[in-house]
């Protein structure tokens, strides 16, 4: 047996290799039928492998021991299991990597400061999509692995402790299926001069997230009518109120004043998001009330897509949450929209 201290590599006979980590692929060739790896780098050799290796003409192979170390597959599994919260499933290890996929529609949540701590552990990597985005069932979200074929067990324990202290590192929050009341404002719509173009767009957006518009009320540009509509929808059991239009600073745009007059406790009027600057978020009791500016009707991606999913995931949005949207809150208005696979909202 030859032992190379620097690389922790041993050239050993096949019989001595049982329980050790294979450091190179071993190729099998069957003329005219098959050529490929019979054993892959990182495989832990078992008694059952010995005869196969001898049949492949391997008397000696290069391996690494696991003295006080954890194999890359086992390390990745341990870290993945320690980090994952609800709404996720993990893959079997493949070449040392474990992947995460969503088990349902929901909001991806990443504990970013904890993720940075986890990636500060030497030889550990954990890579994710951006936090606070809508994800679909079976969508790939993250992956973790360690760099070497085997890692000091104390590093794995350190990674597990970080996950335990900041659990979960990654999760998918399911969306509540809310009954949403919709108030469409505008004298031109109320009078029938033009058809309602806002309502169908908002309805489609909520349905895509698992909720539904249970009742729509069209009102003129009168404060009292809007207030009455909001109150009646809440009395009918609406769990969220969306008010469309009338969100600018024009004299006849009365939606913000109506939401206040209806008893709304204002979280924010205005958001550092384009499109979506004139957005309003308020609460009447525990019912969120959102004032949606016209951009929601015209743009595929807007403030709606950054805030509404978080509300449906059960989060109470604070002013500070909206302030943070400024970094990444500018939509590039690409000719072919790729949202959410772009920088908007991230």
C-alpha atoms as a PDB file:
ATOM      1  CA  UNK A   1       0.000   0.000   0.000  1.00  0.00           C
ATOM      2  CA  UNK A   2       1.301   3.463  -0.927  1.00  0.00           C
ATOM      3  CA  UNK A   3       0.078   6.467   1.081  1.00  0.00           C
ATOM      4  CA  UNK A   4       0.372  10.097  -0.029  1.00  0.00           C
ATOM      5  CA  UNK A   5       0.028  12.274   3.084  1.00  0.00           C
ATOM      6  CA  UNK A   6      -0.579  15.618   1.399  1.00  0.00           C
ATOM      7  CA  UNK A   7      -3.516  14.452  -0.692  1.00  0.00           C
ATOM      8  CA  UNK A   8      -4.770  11.828   1.792  1.00  0.00           C
ATOM      9  CA  UNK A   9      -4.699   9.384  -1.118  1.00  0.00           C
ATOM     10  CA  UNK A  10      -3.976   5.686  -0.815  1.00  0.00           C
ATOM     11  CA  UNK A  11      -3.107   3.329  -3.660  1.00  0.00           C
ATOM     12  CA  UNK A  12      -4.406   0.030  -2.280  1.00  0.00           C
ATOM     13  CA  UNK A  13      -5.393  -3.397  -3.483  1.00  0.00           C
ATOM     14  CA  UNK A  14      -9.059  -3.852  -4.298  1.00  0.00           C
ATOM     15  CA  UNK A  15      -9.486  -6.128  -1.284  1.00  0.00           C
ATOM     16  CA  UNK A  16      -8.119  -3.424   1.030  1.00  0.00           C
ATOM     17  CA  UNK A  17     -10.340  -0.732  -0.479  1.00  0.00           C
ATOM     18  CA  UNK A  18     -13.614  -1.835   1.154  1.00  0.00           C
ATOM     19  CA  UNK A  19     -15.125   1.051   3.140  1.00  0.00           C
ATOM     20  CA  UNK A  20     -12.968   3.681   1.461  1.00  0.00           C
ATOM     21  CA  UNK A  21     -13.878   6.447  -1.023  1.00  0.00           C
ATOM     22  CA  UNK A  22     -13.050   5.939  -4.691  1.00  0.00           C
ATOM     23  CA  UNK A  23     -11.109   8.937  -6.026  1.00  0.00           C
ATOM     24  CA  UNK A  24     -11.640   8.378  -9.763  1.00  0.00           C
ATOM     25  CA  UNK A  25     -14.214   6.995 -12.178  1.00  0.00           C
ATOM     26  CA  UNK A  26     -13.698   3.397 -13.283  1.00  0.00           C
ATOM     27  CA  UNK A  27     -14.812   2.810 -16.845  1.00  0.00           C
ATOM     28  CA  UNK A  28     -16.399  -0.352 -18.164  1.00  0.00           C
ATOM     29  CA  UNK A  29     -16.272  -1.183 -21.869  1.00  0.00           C
ATOM     30  CA  UNK A  30     -18.458  -3.789 -23.540  1.00  0.00           C
ATOM     31  CA  UNK A  31     -17.540  -3.862 -27.253  1.00  0.00           C
ATOM     32  CA  UNK A  32     -20.311  -2.500 -29.496  1.00  0.00           C
ATOM     33  CA  UNK A  33     -22.684  -2.226 -26.514  1.00  0.00           C
ATOM     34  CA  UNK A  34     -21.518   0.056 -23.740  1.00  0.00           C
ATOM     35  CA  UNK A  35     -18.789   2.381 -22.595  1.00  0.00           C
ATOM     36  CA  UNK A  36     -19.206   4.367 -19.432  1.00  0.00           C
ATOM     37  CA  UNK A  37     -18.516   4.605 -15.712  1.00  0.00           C
ATOM     38  CA  UNK A  38     -19.167   1.399 -13.783  1.00  0.00           C
ATOM     39  CA  UNK A  39     -18.087   3.107 -10.552  1.00  0.00           C
ATOM     40  CA  UNK A  40     -18.058   6.850 -10.089  1.00  0.00           C
ATOM     41  CA  UNK A  41     -15.676   9.051  -8.176  1.00  0.00           C
ATOM     42  CA  UNK A  42     -16.918   9.368  -4.593  1.00  0.00           C
ATOM     43  CA  UNK A  43     -18.387   5.854  -4.410  1.00  0.00           C
ATOM     44  CA  UNK A  44     -17.798   4.033  -1.113  1.00  0.00           C
ATOM     45  CA  UNK A  45     -16.486   0.597  -1.999  1.00  0.00           C
ATOM     46  CA  UNK A  46     -18.309  -2.418  -0.545  1.00  0.00           C
ATOM     47  CA  UNK A  47     -17.522  -6.134  -0.315  1.00  0.00           C
ATOM     48  CA  UNK A  48     -19.937  -6.734  -3.180  1.00  0.00           C
ATOM     49  CA  UNK A  49     -17.871  -4.448  -5.428  1.00  0.00           C
ATOM     50  CA  UNK A  50     -14.628  -6.408  -5.122  1.00  0.00           C
ATOM     51  CA  UNK A  51     -15.378  -9.118  -7.704  1.00  0.00           C
ATOM     52  CA  UNK A  52     -16.712  -6.561 -10.197  1.00  0.00           C
ATOM     53  CA  UNK A  53     -13.575  -4.465  -9.843  1.00  0.00           C
ATOM     54  CA  UNK A  54     -11.381  -7.501 -10.394  1.00  0.00           C
ATOM     55  CA  UNK A  55     -13.425  -8.407 -13.481  1.00  0.00           C
ATOM     56  CA  UNK A  56     -12.692  -4.932 -14.786  1.00  0.00           C
ATOM     57  CA  UNK A  57      -8.970  -5.615 -14.415  1.00  0.00           C
ATOM     58  CA  UNK A  58      -8.456  -3.456 -11.353  1.00  0.00           C
ATOM     59  CA  UNK A  59      -5.951  -4.898  -8.910  1.00  0.00           C
ATOM     60  CA  UNK A  60      -5.139  -1.579  -7.245  1.00  0.00           C
ATOM     61  CA  UNK A  61      -7.125   1.649  -7.064  1.00  0.00           C
ATOM     62  CA  UNK A  62      -6.756   5.095  -5.549  1.00  0.00           C
ATOM     63  CA  UNK A  63      -8.943   5.712  -2.515  1.00  0.00           C
ATOM     64  CA  UNK A  64      -9.284   7.986   0.481  1.00  0.00           C
ATOM     65  CA  UNK A  65     -10.051   6.970   4.035  1.00  0.00           C
ATOM     66  CA  UNK A  66     -12.876   8.395   6.193  1.00  0.00           C
ATOM     67  CA  UNK A  67     -11.026   8.729   9.499  1.00  0.00           C
ATOM     68  CA  UNK A  68     -12.993  11.353  11.404  1.00  0.00           C
ATOM     69  CA  UNK A  69     -14.579  12.526   8.157  1.00  0.00           C
ATOM     70  CA  UNK A  70     -18.004  12.360   6.514  1.00  0.00           C
ATOM     71  CA  UNK A  71     -18.513  11.276   2.907  1.00  0.00           C
ATOM     72  CA  UNK A  72     -19.713  14.083   0.597  1.00  0.00           C
ATOM     73  CA  UNK A  73     -23.103  12.432   0.005  1.00  0.00           C
ATOM     74  CA  UNK A  74     -23.791  11.926   3.706  1.00  0.00           C
ATOM     75  CA  UNK A  75     -22.591  15.447   4.526  1.00  0.00           C
ATOM     76  CA  UNK A  76     -24.870  17.041   1.928  1.00  0.00           C
ATOM     77  CA  UNK A  77     -27.848  15.036   3.177  1.00  0.00           C
ATOM     78  CA  UNK A  78     -27.228  16.027   6.777  1.00  0.00           C
ATOM     79  CA  UNK A  79     -26.958  19.728   5.917  1.00  0.00           C
ATOM     80  CA  UNK A  80     -30.037  19.603   3.667  1.00  0.00           C
ATOM     81  CA  UNK A  81     -32.160  17.933   6.315  1.00  0.00           C
ATOM     82  CA  UNK A  82     -31.021  20.409   8.969  1.00  0.00           C
ATOM     83  CA  UNK A  83     -31.785  23.423   6.761  1.00  0.00           C
ATOM     84  CA  UNK A  84     -35.123  22.530   5.190  1.00  0.00           C
ATOM     85  CA  UNK A  85     -38.457  23.729   6.484  1.00  0.00           C
ATOM     86  CA  UNK A  86     -41.948  22.987   5.186  1.00  0.00           C
ATOM     87  CA  UNK A  87     -43.038  22.837   1.574  1.00  0.00           C
ATOM     88  CA  UNK A  88     -39.893  21.131   0.322  1.00  0.00           C
ATOM     89  CA  UNK A  89     -38.505  17.781  -0.677  1.00  0.00           C
ATOM     90  CA  UNK A  90     -34.887  16.860  -1.223  1.00  0.00           C
ATOM     91  CA  UNK A  91     -33.285  14.640  -3.823  1.00  0.00           C
ATOM     92  CA  UNK A  92     -31.017  11.686  -3.336  1.00  0.00           C
ATOM     93  CA  UNK A  93     -27.366  12.749  -3.466  1.00  0.00           C
ATOM     94  CA  UNK A  94     -25.874  12.822  -6.940  1.00  0.00           C
ATOM     95  CA  UNK A  95     -22.141  13.362  -7.216  1.00  0.00           C
ATOM     96  CA  UNK A  96     -22.218  14.911  -3.763  1.00  0.00           C
ATOM     97  CA  UNK A  97     -25.072  17.360  -4.417  1.00  0.00           C
ATOM     98  CA  UNK A  98     -28.543  17.368  -2.832  1.00  0.00           C
ATOM     99  CA  UNK A  99     -31.266  19.426  -4.514  1.00  0.00           C
ATOM    100  CA  UNK A 100     -34.423  21.051  -3.114  1.00  0.00           C
ATOM    101  CA  UNK A 101     -37.759  21.233  -4.929  1.00  0.00           C
ATOM    102  CA  UNK A 102     -41.111  22.750  -3.965  1.00  0.00           C
ATOM    103  CA  UNK A 103     -43.946  20.391  -3.092  1.00  0.00           C
ATOM    104  CA  UNK A 104     -46.667  22.975  -3.823  1.00  0.00           C
ATOM    105  CA  UNK A 105     -47.439  26.501  -4.951  1.00  0.00           C
ATOM    106  CA  UNK A 106     -46.204  29.014  -2.408  1.00  0.00           C
ATOM    107  CA  UNK A 107     -43.779  31.739  -1.392  1.00  0.00           C
ATOM    108  CA  UNK A 108     -40.084  30.898  -1.192  1.00  0.00           C
ATOM    109  CA  UNK A 109     -38.486  32.153   1.998  1.00  0.00           C
ATOM    110  CA  UNK A 110     -34.728  32.186   2.489  1.00  0.00           C
ATOM    111  CA  UNK A 111     -33.126  33.253   5.771  1.00  0.00           C
ATOM    112  CA  UNK A 112     -30.458  35.272   3.975  1.00  0.00           C
ATOM    113  CA  UNK A 113     -28.240  36.223   6.981  1.00  0.00           C
ATOM    114  CA  UNK A 114     -28.243  32.596   8.150  1.00  0.00           C
ATOM    115  CA  UNK A 115     -27.496  31.411   4.616  1.00  0.00           C
ATOM    116  CA  UNK A 116     -24.412  33.632   4.605  1.00  0.00           C
ATOM    117  CA  UNK A 117     -23.283  32.129   7.915  1.00  0.00           C
ATOM    118  CA  UNK A 118     -23.783  28.634   6.524  1.00  0.00           C
ATOM    119  CA  UNK A 119     -21.704  29.418   3.454  1.00  0.00           C
ATOM    120  CA  UNK A 120     -18.967  30.768   5.707  1.00  0.00           C
ATOM    121  CA  UNK A 121     -18.309  27.245   7.019  1.00  0.00           C
ATOM    122  CA  UNK A 122     -15.209  26.039   5.197  1.00  0.00           C
ATOM    123  CA  UNK A 123     -15.935  23.553   2.375  1.00  0.00           C
ATOM    124  CA  UNK A 124     -19.740  23.934   2.673  1.00  0.00           C
ATOM    125  CA  UNK A 125     -21.832  25.531  -0.084  1.00  0.00           C
ATOM    126  CA  UNK A 126     -25.569  26.180  -0.155  1.00  0.00           C
ATOM    127  CA  UNK A 127     -27.043  27.957  -3.187  1.00  0.00           C
ATOM    128  CA  UNK A 128     -30.671  29.174  -3.549  1.00  0.00           C
ATOM    129  CA  UNK A 129     -33.019  31.237  -5.671  1.00  0.00           C
ATOM    130  CA  UNK A 130     -33.882  34.712  -4.382  1.00  0.00           C
ATOM    131  CA  UNK A 131     -36.211  34.914  -1.420  1.00  0.00           C
ATOM    132  CA  UNK A 132     -39.822  36.184  -1.508  1.00  0.00           C
ATOM    133  CA  UNK A 133     -40.770  34.862  -4.920  1.00  0.00           C
ATOM    134  CA  UNK A 134     -43.666  32.700  -6.036  1.00  0.00           C
ATOM    135  CA  UNK A 135     -42.625  29.109  -6.741  1.00  0.00           C
ATOM    136  CA  UNK A 136     -44.531  26.228  -8.276  1.00  0.00           C
ATOM    137  CA  UNK A 137     -44.758  22.540  -7.448  1.00  0.00           C
ATOM    138  CA  UNK A 138     -41.680  20.553  -8.558  1.00  0.00           C
ATOM    139  CA  UNK A 139     -39.672  23.730  -9.208  1.00  0.00           C
ATOM    140  CA  UNK A 140     -35.986  23.446  -8.328  1.00  0.00           C
ATOM    141  CA  UNK A 141     -35.102  25.975  -5.652  1.00  0.00           C
ATOM    142  CA  UNK A 142     -31.680  25.246  -4.167  1.00  0.00           C
ATOM    143  CA  UNK A 143     -28.789  22.850  -3.837  1.00  0.00           C
ATOM    144  CA  UNK A 144     -26.151  22.028  -1.271  1.00  0.00           C
ATOM    145  CA  UNK A 145     -22.903  20.074  -1.240  1.00  0.00           C
ATOM    146  CA  UNK A 146     -19.446  20.046   0.256  1.00  0.00           C
ATOM    147  CA  UNK A 147     -16.337  20.727  -1.792  1.00  0.00           C
ATOM    148  CA  UNK A 148     -14.097  17.702  -1.017  1.00  0.00           C
ATOM    149  CA  UNK A 149     -15.034  14.041  -1.357  1.00  0.00           C
ATOM    150  CA  UNK A 150     -15.055  13.832   2.413  1.00  0.00           C
ATOM    151  CA  UNK A 151     -15.226  16.558   5.035  1.00  0.00           C
ATOM    152  CA  UNK A 152     -14.187  16.874   8.656  1.00  0.00           C
ATOM    153  CA  UNK A 153     -17.203  15.801  10.723  1.00  0.00           C
ATOM    154  CA  UNK A 154     -16.802  18.882  12.935  1.00  0.00           C
ATOM    155  CA  UNK A 155     -17.527  21.127   9.952  1.00  0.00           C
ATOM    156  CA  UNK A 156     -20.738  19.228   9.291  1.00  0.00           C
ATOM    157  CA  UNK A 157     -21.691  19.600  12.950  1.00  0.00           C
ATOM    158  CA  UNK A 158     -20.942  23.346  12.750  1.00  0.00           C
ATOM    159  CA  UNK A 159     -23.194  23.661   9.690  1.00  0.00           C
ATOM    160  CA  UNK A 160     -25.973  21.716  11.415  1.00  0.00           C
ATOM    161  CA  UNK A 161     -25.767  24.003  14.469  1.00  0.00           C
ATOM    162  CA  UNK A 162     -26.175  27.100  12.298  1.00  0.00           C
ATOM    163  CA  UNK A 163     -29.249  25.535  10.719  1.00  0.00           C
ATOM    164  CA  UNK A 164     -30.656  24.634  14.123  1.00  0.00           C
ATOM    165  CA  UNK A 165     -30.090  28.150  15.507  1.00  0.00           C
ATOM    166  CA  UNK A 166     -31.692  29.845  12.492  1.00  0.00           C
ATOM    167  CA  UNK A 167     -34.219  27.224  11.419  1.00  0.00           C
ATOM    168  CA  UNK A 168     -35.389  27.069   8.756  1.00  0.00           C
ATOM    169  CA  UNK A 169     -32.792  28.260   6.275  1.00  0.00           C
ATOM    170  CA  UNK A 170     -35.199  27.562   3.420  1.00  0.00           C
ATOM    171  CA  UNK A 171     -38.945  26.903   3.262  1.00  0.00           C
ATOM    172  CA  UNK A 172     -41.979  27.385   1.035  1.00  0.00           C
ATOM    173  CA  UNK A 173     -44.933  29.053   2.729  1.00  0.00           C
ATOM    174  CA  UNK A 174     -48.268  27.906   1.275  1.00  0.00           C
ATOM    175  CA  UNK A 175     -50.733  30.499   0.076  1.00  0.00           C
ATOM    176  CA  UNK A 176     -54.002  30.893   1.932  1.00  0.00           C
ATOM    177  CA  UNK A 177     -57.042  30.556  -0.318  1.00  0.00           C
ATOM    178  CA  UNK A 178     -58.665  33.875   0.523  1.00  0.00           C
ATOM    179  CA  UNK A 179     -62.049  35.296  -0.415  1.00  0.00           C
ATOM    180  CA  UNK A 180     -61.160  38.664  -1.913  1.00  0.00           C
ATOM    181  CA  UNK A 181     -63.570  41.565  -2.271  1.00  0.00           C
ATOM    182  CA  UNK A 182     -62.935  43.841  -5.256  1.00  0.00           C
ATOM    183  CA  UNK A 183     -63.922  47.506  -5.521  1.00  0.00           C
ATOM    184  CA  UNK A 184     -63.575  49.010  -8.997  1.00  0.00           C
ATOM    185  CA  UNK A 185     -63.619  52.808  -8.942  1.00  0.00           C
ATOM    186  CA  UNK A 186     -64.295  55.252 -11.763  1.00  0.00           C
ATOM    187  CA  UNK A 187     -67.322  57.232 -12.880  1.00  0.00           C
ATOM    188  CA  UNK A 188     -66.706  56.221 -16.490  1.00  0.00           C
ATOM    189  CA  UNK A 189     -66.978  52.516 -15.525  1.00  0.00           C
ATOM    190  CA  UNK A 190     -69.853  53.074 -13.088  1.00  0.00           C
ATOM    191  CA  UNK A 191     -71.875  54.898 -15.732  1.00  0.00           C
ATOM    192  CA  UNK A 192     -71.234  52.202 -18.305  1.00  0.00           C
ATOM    193  CA  UNK A 193     -69.380  54.510 -20.697  1.00  0.00           C
ATOM    194  CA  UNK A 194     -66.461  52.054 -20.757  1.00  0.00           C
ATOM    195  CA  UNK A 195     -66.215  48.466 -19.694  1.00  0.00           C
ATOM    196  CA  UNK A 196     -64.246  47.373 -16.638  1.00  0.00           C
ATOM    197  CA  UNK A 197     -60.785  46.324 -17.818  1.00  0.00           C
ATOM    198  CA  UNK A 198     -59.192  46.286 -14.362  1.00  0.00           C
ATOM    199  CA  UNK A 199     -61.410  43.678 -12.704  1.00  0.00           C
ATOM    200  CA  UNK A 200     -60.653  40.774 -15.089  1.00  0.00           C
ATOM    201  CA  UNK A 201     -56.897  41.362 -14.786  1.00  0.00           C
ATOM    202  CA  UNK A 202     -56.964  41.406 -10.984  1.00  0.00           C
ATOM    203  CA  UNK A 203     -59.254  38.364 -10.898  1.00  0.00           C
ATOM    204  CA  UNK A 204     -56.845  36.388 -13.063  1.00  0.00           C
ATOM    205  CA  UNK A 205     -53.873  37.397 -10.931  1.00  0.00           C
ATOM    206  CA  UNK A 206     -55.544  36.322  -7.682  1.00  0.00           C
ATOM    207  CA  UNK A 207     -56.731  33.041  -9.204  1.00  0.00           C
ATOM    208  CA  UNK A 208     -53.178  32.240 -10.299  1.00  0.00           C
ATOM    209  CA  UNK A 209     -52.202  32.428  -6.617  1.00  0.00           C
ATOM    210  CA  UNK A 210     -55.054  30.199  -5.445  1.00  0.00           C
ATOM    211  CA  UNK A 211     -57.502  32.856  -4.209  1.00  0.00           C
ATOM    212  CA  UNK A 212     -60.684  34.169  -5.809  1.00  0.00           C
ATOM    213  CA  UNK A 213     -62.727  37.343  -6.172  1.00  0.00           C
ATOM    214  CA  UNK A 214     -65.969  36.475  -4.405  1.00  0.00           C
ATOM    215  CA  UNK A 215     -67.714  39.779  -5.102  1.00  0.00           C
ATOM    216  CA  UNK A 216     -67.031  42.842  -7.240  1.00  0.00           C
ATOM    217  CA  UNK A 217     -68.576  46.266  -6.599  1.00  0.00           C
ATOM    218  CA  UNK A 218     -68.268  49.088  -9.141  1.00  0.00           C
ATOM    219  CA  UNK A 219     -68.471  52.604  -7.675  1.00  0.00           C
ATOM    220  CA  UNK A 220     -68.304  56.137  -8.984  1.00  0.00           C
ATOM    221  CA  UNK A 221     -65.620  58.615  -7.965  1.00  0.00           C
ATOM    222  CA  UNK A 222     -67.404  59.385  -4.710  1.00  0.00           C
ATOM    223  CA  UNK A 223     -65.751  58.868  -1.362  1.00  0.00           C
ATOM    224  CA  UNK A 224     -68.895  57.699   0.397  1.00  0.00           C
ATOM    225  CA  UNK A 225     -69.669  55.052  -2.244  1.00  0.00           C
ATOM    226  CA  UNK A 226     -66.176  53.580  -1.983  1.00  0.00           C
ATOM    227  CA  UNK A 227     -66.289  53.549   1.823  1.00  0.00           C
ATOM    228  CA  UNK A 228     -69.684  51.839   1.756  1.00  0.00           C
ATOM    229  CA  UNK A 229     -68.450  49.240  -0.726  1.00  0.00           C
ATOM    230  CA  UNK A 230     -65.408  48.395   1.418  1.00  0.00           C
ATOM    231  CA  UNK A 231     -67.538  48.019   4.547  1.00  0.00           C
ATOM    232  CA  UNK A 232     -70.141  45.854   2.818  1.00  0.00           C
ATOM    233  CA  UNK A 233     -67.497  43.493   1.402  1.00  0.00           C
ATOM    234  CA  UNK A 234     -65.932  43.032   4.827  1.00  0.00           C
ATOM    235  CA  UNK A 235     -69.358  42.411   6.352  1.00  0.00           C
ATOM    236  CA  UNK A 236     -69.942  39.761   3.675  1.00  0.00           C
ATOM    237  CA  UNK A 237     -66.806  37.933   4.809  1.00  0.00           C
ATOM    238  CA  UNK A 238     -64.078  39.210   2.503  1.00  0.00           C
ATOM    239  CA  UNK A 239     -60.636  38.313   3.885  1.00  0.00           C
ATOM    240  CA  UNK A 240     -58.837  40.864   1.717  1.00  0.00           C
ATOM    241  CA  UNK A 241     -60.022  43.977  -0.103  1.00  0.00           C
ATOM    242  CA  UNK A 242     -58.552  45.182  -3.393  1.00  0.00           C
ATOM    243  CA  UNK A 243     -59.510  48.653  -4.601  1.00  0.00           C
ATOM    244  CA  UNK A 244     -58.577  49.479  -8.181  1.00  0.00           C
ATOM    245  CA  UNK A 245     -57.985  52.862  -9.751  1.00  0.00           C
ATOM    246  CA  UNK A 246     -58.148  56.364  -8.335  1.00  0.00           C
ATOM    247  CA  UNK A 247     -54.701  56.066  -6.771  1.00  0.00           C
ATOM    248  CA  UNK A 248     -52.961  59.140  -8.215  1.00  0.00           C
ATOM    249  CA  UNK A 249     -52.857  62.653  -6.808  1.00  0.00           C
ATOM    250  CA  UNK A 250     -55.461  64.038  -9.243  1.00  0.00           C
ATOM    251  CA  UNK A 251     -58.327  65.870  -7.462  1.00  0.00           C
ATOM    252  CA  UNK A 252     -60.899  63.241  -8.472  1.00  0.00           C
ATOM    253  CA  UNK A 253     -58.748  60.274  -7.464  1.00  0.00           C
ATOM    254  CA  UNK A 254     -60.221  59.564  -4.045  1.00  0.00           C
ATOM    255  CA  UNK A 255     -59.241  55.951  -3.342  1.00  0.00           C
ATOM    256  CA  UNK A 256     -56.541  56.677  -0.708  1.00  0.00           C
ATOM    257  CA  UNK A 257     -58.902  59.030   1.143  1.00  0.00           C
ATOM    258  CA  UNK A 258     -61.708  56.456   0.942  1.00  0.00           C
ATOM    259  CA  UNK A 259     -59.520  53.703   2.400  1.00  0.00           C
ATOM    260  CA  UNK A 260     -58.614  56.009   5.287  1.00  0.00           C
ATOM    261  CA  UNK A 261     -62.239  57.013   5.785  1.00  0.00           C
ATOM    262  CA  UNK A 262     -63.248  53.343   5.874  1.00  0.00           C
ATOM    263  CA  UNK A 263     -61.050  52.912   8.918  1.00  0.00           C
ATOM    264  CA  UNK A 264     -57.895  51.726   7.195  1.00  0.00           C
ATOM    265  CA  UNK A 265     -54.738  51.889   9.269  1.00  0.00           C
ATOM    266  CA  UNK A 266     -52.218  52.918   6.629  1.00  0.00           C
ATOM    267  CA  UNK A 267     -48.986  50.962   6.363  1.00  0.00           C
ATOM    268  CA  UNK A 268     -47.795  52.813   3.285  1.00  0.00           C
ATOM    269  CA  UNK A 269     -49.090  55.085   0.563  1.00  0.00           C
ATOM    270  CA  UNK A 270     -46.416  54.986  -2.104  1.00  0.00           C
ATOM    271  CA  UNK A 271     -43.778  52.366  -2.792  1.00  0.00           C
ATOM    272  CA  UNK A 272     -40.253  52.632  -4.267  1.00  0.00           C
ATOM    273  CA  UNK A 273     -41.310  50.348  -7.118  1.00  0.00           C
ATOM    274  CA  UNK A 274     -41.744  51.141 -10.805  1.00  0.00           C
ATOM    275  CA  UNK A 275     -44.334  50.167 -11.920  1.00  0.00           C
ATOM    276  CA  UNK A 276     -46.305  50.542  -8.697  1.00  0.00           C
ATOM    277  CA  UNK A 277     -45.293  53.824  -7.064  1.00  0.00           C
ATOM    278  CA  UNK A 278     -48.877  54.829  -6.155  1.00  0.00           C
ATOM    279  CA  UNK A 279     -49.648  51.592  -4.288  1.00  0.00           C
ATOM    280  CA  UNK A 280     -51.362  51.709  -0.891  1.00  0.00           C
ATOM    281  CA  UNK A 281     -51.462  49.082   1.842  1.00  0.00           C
ATOM    282  CA  UNK A 282     -53.724  49.422   4.876  1.00  0.00           C
ATOM    283  CA  UNK A 283     -55.422  47.166   7.418  1.00  0.00           C
ATOM    284  CA  UNK A 284     -58.992  47.315   8.698  1.00  0.00           C
ATOM    285  CA  UNK A 285     -58.742  45.079  11.727  1.00  0.00           C
ATOM    286  CA  UNK A 286     -56.867  42.075  10.388  1.00  0.00           C
ATOM    287  CA  UNK A 287     -58.171  42.490   6.827  1.00  0.00           C
ATOM    288  CA  UNK A 288     -55.538  43.789   4.369  1.00  0.00           C
ATOM    289  CA  UNK A 289     -56.778  46.510   2.048  1.00  0.00           C
ATOM    290  CA  UNK A 290     -54.697  47.205  -1.050  1.00  0.00           C
ATOM    291  CA  UNK A 291     -55.068  50.194  -3.332  1.00  0.00           C
ATOM    292  CA  UNK A 292     -53.898  49.076  -6.781  1.00  0.00           C
ATOM    293  CA  UNK A 293     -52.670  51.721  -9.241  1.00  0.00           C
ATOM    294  CA  UNK A 294     -53.400  51.495 -12.963  1.00  0.00           C
ATOM    295  CA  UNK A 295     -50.018  49.924 -13.771  1.00  0.00           C
ATOM    296  CA  UNK A 296     -51.273  46.619 -12.349  1.00  0.00           C
ATOM    297  CA  UNK A 297     -53.682  46.430 -15.280  1.00  0.00           C
ATOM    298  CA  UNK A 298     -51.110  47.246 -17.954  1.00  0.00           C
ATOM    299  CA  UNK A 299     -47.864  45.617 -16.801  1.00  0.00           C
ATOM    300  CA  UNK A 300     -47.273  41.897 -16.524  1.00  0.00           C
ATOM    301  CA  UNK A 301     -45.082  42.458 -13.449  1.00  0.00           C
ATOM    302  CA  UNK A 302     -45.754  45.227 -10.940  1.00  0.00           C
ATOM    303  CA  UNK A 303     -46.057  45.977  -7.233  1.00  0.00           C
ATOM    304  CA  UNK A 304     -48.933  43.444  -7.129  1.00  0.00           C
ATOM    305  CA  UNK A 305     -46.517  40.595  -7.794  1.00  0.00           C
ATOM    306  CA  UNK A 306     -44.139  41.673  -5.029  1.00  0.00           C
ATOM    307  CA  UNK A 307     -46.615  42.324  -2.194  1.00  0.00           C
ATOM    308  CA  UNK A 308     -49.770  40.239  -2.719  1.00  0.00           C
ATOM    309  CA  UNK A 309     -47.989  36.838  -2.578  1.00  0.00           C
ATOM    310  CA  UNK A 310     -46.484  37.796   0.776  1.00  0.00           C
ATOM    311  CA  UNK A 311     -49.897  38.765   2.128  1.00  0.00           C
ATOM    312  CA  UNK A 312     -51.365  35.462   0.913  1.00  0.00           C
ATOM    313  CA  UNK A 313     -48.516  33.634   2.653  1.00  0.00           C
ATOM    314  CA  UNK A 314     -49.709  35.109   5.945  1.00  0.00           C
ATOM    315  CA  UNK A 315     -47.108  37.827   6.363  1.00  0.00           C
ATOM    316  CA  UNK A 316     -47.948  41.171   7.942  1.00  0.00           C
ATOM    317  CA  UNK A 317     -46.177  43.720   5.774  1.00  0.00           C
ATOM    318  CA  UNK A 318     -44.495  46.629   7.542  1.00  0.00           C
ATOM    319  CA  UNK A 319     -43.411  49.983   6.127  1.00  0.00           C
ATOM    320  CA  UNK A 320     -39.793  48.774   6.351  1.00  0.00           C
ATOM    321  CA  UNK A 321     -40.614  45.826   4.078  1.00  0.00           C
ATOM    322  CA  UNK A 322     -41.885  48.199   1.401  1.00  0.00           C
ATOM    323  CA  UNK A 323     -38.901  50.532   1.785  1.00  0.00           C
ATOM    324  CA  UNK A 324     -36.553  47.620   1.043  1.00  0.00           C
ATOM    325  CA  UNK A 325     -38.208  47.056  -2.332  1.00  0.00           C
ATOM    326  CA  UNK A 326     -36.372  50.053  -3.777  1.00  0.00           C
ATOM    327  CA  UNK A 327     -33.277  47.944  -4.463  1.00  0.00           C
ATOM    328  CA  UNK A 328     -34.442  45.846  -7.408  1.00  0.00           C
ATOM    329  CA  UNK A 329     -37.807  47.589  -7.620  1.00  0.00           C
ATOM    330  CA  UNK A 330     -37.178  49.080 -11.062  1.00  0.00           C
ATOM    331  CA  UNK A 331     -38.669  47.056 -13.924  1.00  0.00           C
ATOM    332  CA  UNK A 332     -36.608  47.207 -17.134  1.00  0.00           C
ATOM    333  CA  UNK A 333     -39.770  46.823 -19.257  1.00  0.00           C
ATOM    334  CA  UNK A 334     -38.150  44.224 -21.471  1.00  0.00           C
ATOM    335  CA  UNK A 335     -39.786  43.677 -24.847  1.00  0.00           C
ATOM    336  CA  UNK A 336     -40.266  40.021 -23.940  1.00  0.00           C
ATOM    337  CA  UNK A 337     -41.078  39.904 -20.213  1.00  0.00           C
ATOM    338  CA  UNK A 338     -39.235  37.136 -18.352  1.00  0.00           C
ATOM    339  CA  UNK A 339     -40.601  37.819 -14.864  1.00  0.00           C
ATOM    340  CA  UNK A 340     -39.945  36.249 -12.387  1.00  0.00           C
ATOM    341  CA  UNK A 341     -36.710  35.171 -14.069  1.00  0.00           C
ATOM    342  CA  UNK A 342     -35.236  38.655 -13.909  1.00  0.00           C
ATOM    343  CA  UNK A 343     -33.982  41.217 -11.415  1.00  0.00           C
ATOM    344  CA  UNK A 344     -37.357  42.885 -10.696  1.00  0.00           C
ATOM    345  CA  UNK A 345     -38.175  42.695  -7.015  1.00  0.00           C
ATOM    346  CA  UNK A 346     -34.854  41.061  -6.180  1.00  0.00           C
END
